[in-house]
Amino acid sequence: MPDDATPLAFAGEAEPITDDRPYIEAAEALGCELAAVKAVAEVESRGAAFLPDGRPPILFERHIFSRTTRNVHDAKHSGVSNPSPGGYSGGTAEYDRLAEAIALDRAAALESASWGKFQIMGFNASTCGFRTVEDFVEAMCASEEAQLDAFVAFVKRNGLDRALRARDWAGFARGYNGPSFKKNRYDEKMAAAYRKFSTVEGTGFRVETVRDLQVALNFLGADAGDADGLMGPKTAAAIRRFQGECRLAETGQPSPPLMQAVQAVYYALGGKEARGVV
């Protein structure tokens, strides 16, 4: 990564995710629904992993920088070093604020910004499994999948996966966004985004039960047998076939992430509620 803060200093490979597979795997790792992971992604950065110029979206937190540097820059650089939050410019202009802070203390500056699609603060680098904040930032600039991996690690390390599984949006937002989450209505926004992603658009069909799963798998050609709502060997085999095709662990079990994955593929391939089996 370049040492200077030129406009494109943080433009890495910026590889986007092109299908749902990494998100399905993330949901499996967290034991939650695919829609829950997508809801957080949408709310945190409006779904964007990279800005148009290839850099990850950031938000510079001047109060974190002030605290990390023990207020030594507050008097002369109050825009980026201030005990009070705020002063946001948004979009690419946040990199101008970051550049000013980097000129004062690079490590503290990187730690004081939230990075990527999931807006994880730089000071959480070690929590996400990185040796240094520089390594963390480099990964955030490299790919959306790296950003997603960091999110999974952060959520698991902080025990927030339980809140995601329970769709406890207030509990999740409190742990993820801090005690003032209500001010920005993070919990309400995530709940709304979850409802959008969890419903098959245009059909109203949701894969929530074993019977729903059998209906969807049969439509996809996986041959789950009769849609009787019973987990038998034929349904388990159909689940394994689907998991194998999606490069997921072949458990044969109807977990919530698996149901969300089947639902997403069902809709993508044109599944309709009126096929005579729902």
Protein backbone atom coordinates (compact mmCIF):
# COMPACT_ATOMS: atom_id res chain seq x y z
CA MET A 1 0.00 0.00 0.00
CA PRO A 2 1.39 3.46 -0.78
CA ASP A 3 2.71 5.47 2.16
CA ASP A 4 1.18 8.72 1.00
CA ALA A 5 -2.46 9.76 0.99
CA THR A 6 -2.81 10.69 -2.67
CA PRO A 7 -6.41 10.51 -3.97
CA LEU A 8 -6.07 6.90 -5.11
CA ALA A 9 -3.70 5.71 -2.39
CA PHE A 10 -6.31 3.28 -1.09
CA ALA A 11 -7.54 1.97 -4.43
CA GLY A 12 -6.65 -1.73 -4.37
CA GLU A 13 -7.85 -4.54 -6.60
CA ALA A 14 -11.44 -3.77 -5.56
CA GLU A 15 -12.79 -7.18 -6.61
CA PRO A 16 -16.57 -7.37 -6.20
CA ILE A 17 -18.61 -10.43 -5.29
CA THR A 18 -20.54 -11.52 -8.39
CA ASP A 19 -22.88 -14.16 -6.96
CA ASP A 20 -24.47 -15.16 -3.66
CA ARG A 21 -22.05 -18.00 -2.86
CA PRO A 22 -19.77 -16.05 -0.45
CA TYR A 23 -22.81 -14.60 1.31
CA ILE A 24 -24.39 -18.04 1.60
CA GLU A 25 -21.15 -19.33 3.12
CA ALA A 26 -21.06 -16.38 5.53
CA ALA A 27 -24.62 -17.11 6.63
CA GLU A 28 -23.70 -20.78 7.13
CA ALA A 29 -20.67 -19.76 9.22
CA LEU A 30 -22.83 -17.52 11.41
CA GLY A 31 -25.76 -19.94 11.52
CA CYS A 32 -28.13 -17.20 10.41
CA GLU A 33 -30.26 -16.47 7.37
CA LEU A 34 -28.75 -15.14 4.17
CA ALA A 35 -31.23 -12.27 4.35
CA ALA A 36 -29.83 -11.23 7.73
CA VAL A 37 -26.29 -10.83 6.36
CA LYS A 38 -27.57 -8.93 3.33
CA ALA A 39 -29.63 -6.65 5.57
CA VAL A 40 -26.58 -5.58 7.55
CA ALA A 41 -24.59 -5.01 4.36
CA GLU A 42 -27.28 -2.79 2.88
CA VAL A 43 -27.74 -0.65 5.97
CA GLU A 44 -24.06 -0.18 6.80
CA SER A 45 -22.95 1.22 3.45
CA ARG A 46 -26.05 1.15 1.27
CA GLY A 47 -24.76 -2.09 -0.21
CA ALA A 48 -21.57 -0.64 -1.71
CA ALA A 49 -18.26 -2.42 -1.22
CA PHE A 50 -16.35 0.18 -3.28
CA LEU A 51 -16.76 3.75 -4.40
CA PRO A 52 -16.78 4.50 -8.14
CA ASP A 53 -13.04 5.27 -8.00
CA GLY A 54 -12.27 1.80 -6.60
CA ARG A 55 -11.66 2.75 -2.97
CA PRO A 56 -13.70 1.20 -0.15
CA PRO A 57 -16.22 3.56 1.46
CA ILE A 58 -14.99 4.99 4.74
CA LEU A 59 -16.26 7.22 7.49
CA PHE A 60 -13.63 9.02 9.54
CA GLU A 61 -14.42 9.32 13.24
CA ARG A 62 -12.69 12.39 14.64
CA HIS A 63 -13.57 11.59 18.24
CA ILE A 64 -11.80 8.23 17.95
CA PHE A 65 -8.72 9.91 16.49
CA SER A 66 -8.77 12.49 19.27
CA ARG A 67 -9.01 9.82 21.94
CA THR A 68 -6.34 7.62 20.34
CA THR A 69 -3.87 10.51 20.06
CA ARG A 70 -4.74 11.82 23.54
CA ASN A 71 -6.19 15.09 22.26
CA VAL A 72 -2.82 16.49 21.17
CA HIS A 73 -4.16 17.60 17.77
CA ASP A 74 -7.52 19.00 18.87
CA ALA A 75 -6.55 22.66 18.91
CA LYS A 76 -5.04 22.91 15.41
CA HIS A 77 -6.93 20.12 13.63
CA SER A 78 -10.41 20.14 15.16
CA GLY A 79 -11.99 18.89 11.93
CA VAL A 80 -10.29 15.51 12.31
CA SER A 81 -9.41 15.53 16.01
CA ASN A 82 -12.26 16.47 18.29
CA PRO A 83 -13.78 14.96 21.44
CA SER A 84 -17.22 15.25 19.80
CA PRO A 85 -18.31 12.99 16.91
CA GLY A 86 -19.26 14.59 13.61
CA GLY A 87 -17.73 16.73 10.89
CA TYR A 88 -18.50 14.12 8.23
CA SER A 89 -18.08 15.04 4.58
CA GLY A 90 -19.31 11.78 3.07
CA GLY A 91 -18.24 9.86 -0.03
CA THR A 92 -14.76 10.43 -1.42
CA ALA A 93 -14.40 13.59 0.72
CA GLU A 94 -13.91 11.34 3.75
CA TYR A 95 -10.53 10.46 2.25
CA ASP A 96 -9.53 14.13 2.46
CA ARG A 97 -10.22 14.01 6.19
CA LEU A 98 -8.30 10.75 6.45
CA ALA A 99 -5.35 12.32 4.61
CA GLU A 100 -5.20 15.19 7.09
CA ALA A 101 -5.19 12.74 9.98
CA ILE A 102 -2.59 10.49 8.33
CA ALA A 103 -0.21 13.46 8.13
CA LEU A 104 -0.46 13.67 11.92
CA ASP A 105 -0.45 9.96 12.89
CA ARG A 106 -0.92 7.30 10.23
CA ALA A 107 -1.72 4.31 12.45
CA ALA A 108 -4.19 6.27 14.57
CA ALA A 109 -5.83 7.65 11.43
CA LEU A 110 -6.36 4.22 9.89
CA GLU A 111 -7.73 2.92 13.17
CA SER A 112 -10.16 5.86 13.36
CA ALA A 113 -12.00 5.14 10.11
CA SER A 114 -14.66 2.54 9.40
CA TRP A 115 -13.95 0.56 6.24
CA GLY A 116 -15.79 -1.22 3.46
CA LYS A 117 -19.25 -2.63 2.98
CA PHE A 118 -19.64 -3.52 6.65
CA GLN A 119 -18.04 -0.33 7.99
CA ILE A 120 -15.74 -2.03 10.48
CA MET A 121 -13.52 0.33 12.43
CA GLY A 122 -9.79 0.04 11.84
CA PHE A 123 -9.13 -0.40 15.55
CA ASN A 124 -10.91 -3.76 15.25
CA ALA A 125 -8.22 -5.15 12.95
CA SER A 126 -6.99 -7.75 15.44
CA THR A 127 -10.57 -8.75 16.31
CA CYS A 128 -11.07 -9.53 12.63
CA GLY A 129 -7.94 -11.69 12.55
CA PHE A 130 -5.38 -9.25 11.13
CA ARG A 131 -1.90 -8.71 12.52
CA THR A 132 -1.89 -4.94 11.96
CA VAL A 133 -4.28 -2.21 10.89
CA GLU A 134 -2.23 -1.87 7.69
CA ASP A 135 -2.96 -5.51 6.85
CA PHE A 136 -6.64 -4.93 7.60
CA VAL A 137 -6.88 -1.85 5.37
CA GLU A 138 -5.05 -3.60 2.54
CA ALA A 139 -7.61 -6.43 2.67
CA MET A 140 -10.51 -3.97 2.73
CA CYS A 141 -9.11 -2.40 -0.45
CA ALA A 142 -8.58 -5.76 -2.15
CA SER A 143 -11.99 -7.40 -2.37
CA GLU A 144 -15.58 -7.49 -1.20
CA GLU A 145 -15.03 -11.08 -0.09
CA ALA A 146 -12.26 -9.94 2.27
CA GLN A 147 -14.66 -7.38 3.71
CA LEU A 148 -17.26 -10.10 4.19
CA ASP A 149 -14.74 -12.40 5.89
CA ALA A 150 -13.79 -9.61 8.29
CA PHE A 151 -17.46 -9.09 9.09
CA VAL A 152 -17.97 -12.78 9.90
CA ALA A 153 -14.91 -12.79 12.15
CA PHE A 154 -16.01 -9.61 13.93
CA VAL A 155 -19.55 -10.86 14.52
CA LYS A 156 -18.41 -14.24 15.83
CA ARG A 157 -15.69 -12.78 18.06
CA ASN A 158 -18.21 -10.40 19.65
CA GLY A 159 -20.97 -12.99 20.03
CA LEU A 160 -23.34 -11.06 17.77
CA ASP A 161 -24.20 -14.11 15.69
CA ARG A 162 -26.79 -15.04 18.32
CA ALA A 163 -28.61 -11.77 17.72
CA LEU A 164 -28.53 -12.32 13.96
CA ARG A 165 -29.96 -15.82 14.31
CA ALA A 166 -32.75 -14.48 16.53
CA ARG A 167 -33.32 -11.49 14.24
CA ASP A 168 -32.83 -9.34 17.35
CA TRP A 169 -32.04 -6.18 15.43
CA ALA A 170 -31.84 -3.93 18.46
CA GLY A 171 -29.44 -6.33 20.18
CA PHE A 172 -27.31 -6.65 17.07
CA ALA A 173 -27.25 -2.91 16.39
CA ARG A 174 -26.33 -2.19 20.02
CA GLY A 175 -23.29 -4.47 19.75
CA TYR A 176 -22.37 -3.53 16.19
CA ASN A 177 -23.12 0.19 16.03
CA GLY A 178 -22.80 1.17 19.68
CA PRO A 179 -25.21 2.27 22.41
CA SER A 180 -26.46 5.27 20.37
CA PHE A 181 -27.77 3.02 17.56
CA LYS A 182 -31.33 4.30 18.09
CA LYS A 183 -30.30 7.78 16.98
CA ASN A 184 -29.72 6.54 13.44
CA ARG A 185 -32.49 3.90 13.64
CA TYR A 186 -30.07 1.14 12.68
CA ASP A 187 -32.31 -1.54 14.15
CA GLU A 188 -35.36 -0.33 12.23
CA LYS A 189 -33.43 -0.07 8.99
CA MET A 190 -32.00 -3.57 9.36
CA ALA A 191 -35.42 -5.01 10.14
CA ALA A 192 -36.83 -3.38 7.01
CA ALA A 193 -33.93 -4.59 4.85
CA TYR A 194 -34.33 -8.11 6.27
CA ARG A 195 -38.01 -8.15 5.33
CA LYS A 196 -37.10 -7.14 1.80
CA PHE A 197 -34.42 -9.79 1.35
CA SER A 198 -36.30 -12.59 3.09
CA THR A 199 -39.36 -12.45 0.84
CA VAL A 200 -39.17 -13.77 -2.69
CA GLU A 201 -39.99 -10.66 -4.64
CA GLY A 202 -43.09 -10.92 -6.75
CA THR A 203 -44.29 -14.29 -5.39
CA GLY A 204 -44.69 -13.97 -1.63
CA PHE A 205 -43.23 -17.48 -1.33
CA ARG A 206 -40.76 -17.96 1.51
CA VAL A 207 -38.77 -21.11 2.22
CA GLU A 208 -39.35 -21.47 5.96
CA THR A 209 -40.40 -25.09 6.50
CA VAL A 210 -39.27 -28.48 5.28
CA ARG A 211 -42.31 -28.57 2.99
CA ASP A 212 -41.36 -25.20 1.46
CA LEU A 213 -37.84 -26.53 1.00
CA GLN A 214 -39.12 -29.64 -0.77
CA VAL A 215 -41.27 -27.52 -3.10
CA ALA A 216 -38.36 -25.29 -4.04
CA LEU A 217 -35.85 -28.13 -4.44
CA ASN A 218 -38.25 -30.03 -6.66
CA PHE A 219 -38.66 -26.96 -8.84
CA LEU A 220 -34.86 -26.75 -9.07
CA GLY A 221 -34.67 -30.40 -10.18
CA ALA A 222 -33.08 -31.73 -7.02
CA ASP A 223 -35.84 -34.35 -6.49
CA ALA A 224 -36.70 -33.97 -2.83
CA GLY A 225 -39.67 -36.33 -3.14
CA ASP A 226 -43.22 -35.55 -2.10
CA ALA A 227 -43.76 -32.16 -0.44
CA ASP A 228 -44.97 -33.78 2.77
CA GLY A 229 -42.94 -31.75 5.27
CA LEU A 230 -41.04 -34.82 6.49
CA MET A 231 -37.27 -35.03 6.51
CA GLY A 232 -36.52 -38.35 4.85
CA PRO A 233 -33.46 -39.69 3.01
CA LYS A 234 -34.69 -38.37 -0.35
CA THR A 235 -34.99 -34.82 0.96
CA ALA A 236 -31.60 -35.05 2.67
CA ALA A 237 -30.04 -36.27 -0.60
CA ALA A 238 -31.66 -33.37 -2.49
CA ILE A 239 -30.23 -30.91 0.03
CA ARG A 240 -26.76 -32.41 -0.40
CA ARG A 241 -27.07 -32.15 -4.19
CA PHE A 242 -28.00 -28.49 -3.91
CA GLN A 243 -25.19 -27.81 -1.43
CA GLY A 244 -22.70 -29.54 -3.71
CA GLU A 245 -23.75 -27.47 -6.71
CA CYS A 246 -23.40 -24.29 -4.64
CA ARG A 247 -20.05 -25.41 -3.21
CA LEU A 248 -21.41 -25.50 0.34
CA ALA A 249 -20.67 -28.07 3.03
CA GLU A 250 -22.83 -31.10 2.17
CA THR A 251 -24.66 -31.58 5.48
CA GLY A 252 -28.05 -32.66 4.15
CA GLN A 253 -29.64 -30.61 6.92
CA PRO A 254 -32.35 -27.92 6.49
CA SER A 255 -30.64 -25.01 8.26
CA PRO A 256 -31.98 -21.42 8.01
CA PRO A 257 -29.03 -20.33 5.79
CA LEU A 258 -29.69 -23.31 3.51
CA MET A 259 -33.36 -22.36 3.20
CA GLN A 260 -32.43 -18.80 2.33
CA ALA A 261 -29.96 -20.02 -0.29
CA VAL A 262 -32.57 -22.29 -1.89
CA GLN A 263 -35.07 -19.44 -1.86
CA ALA A 264 -32.62 -17.09 -3.59
CA VAL A 265 -31.86 -19.60 -6.35
CA TYR A 266 -35.55 -20.49 -6.69
CA TYR A 267 -36.45 -16.88 -7.36
CA ALA A 268 -33.43 -16.25 -9.62
CA LEU A 269 -34.53 -19.15 -11.85
CA GLY A 270 -38.11 -17.93 -12.09
CA GLY A 271 -39.88 -20.01 -9.44
CA LYS A 272 -43.50 -18.98 -8.98
CA GLU A 273 -45.99 -19.67 -6.24
CA ALA A 274 -48.58 -20.71 -8.78
CA ARG A 275 -46.74 -23.78 -10.08
CA GLY A 276 -49.50 -25.91 -8.57
CA VAL A 277 -47.55 -27.27 -5.63
CA VAL A 278 -47.56 -24.40 -3.14
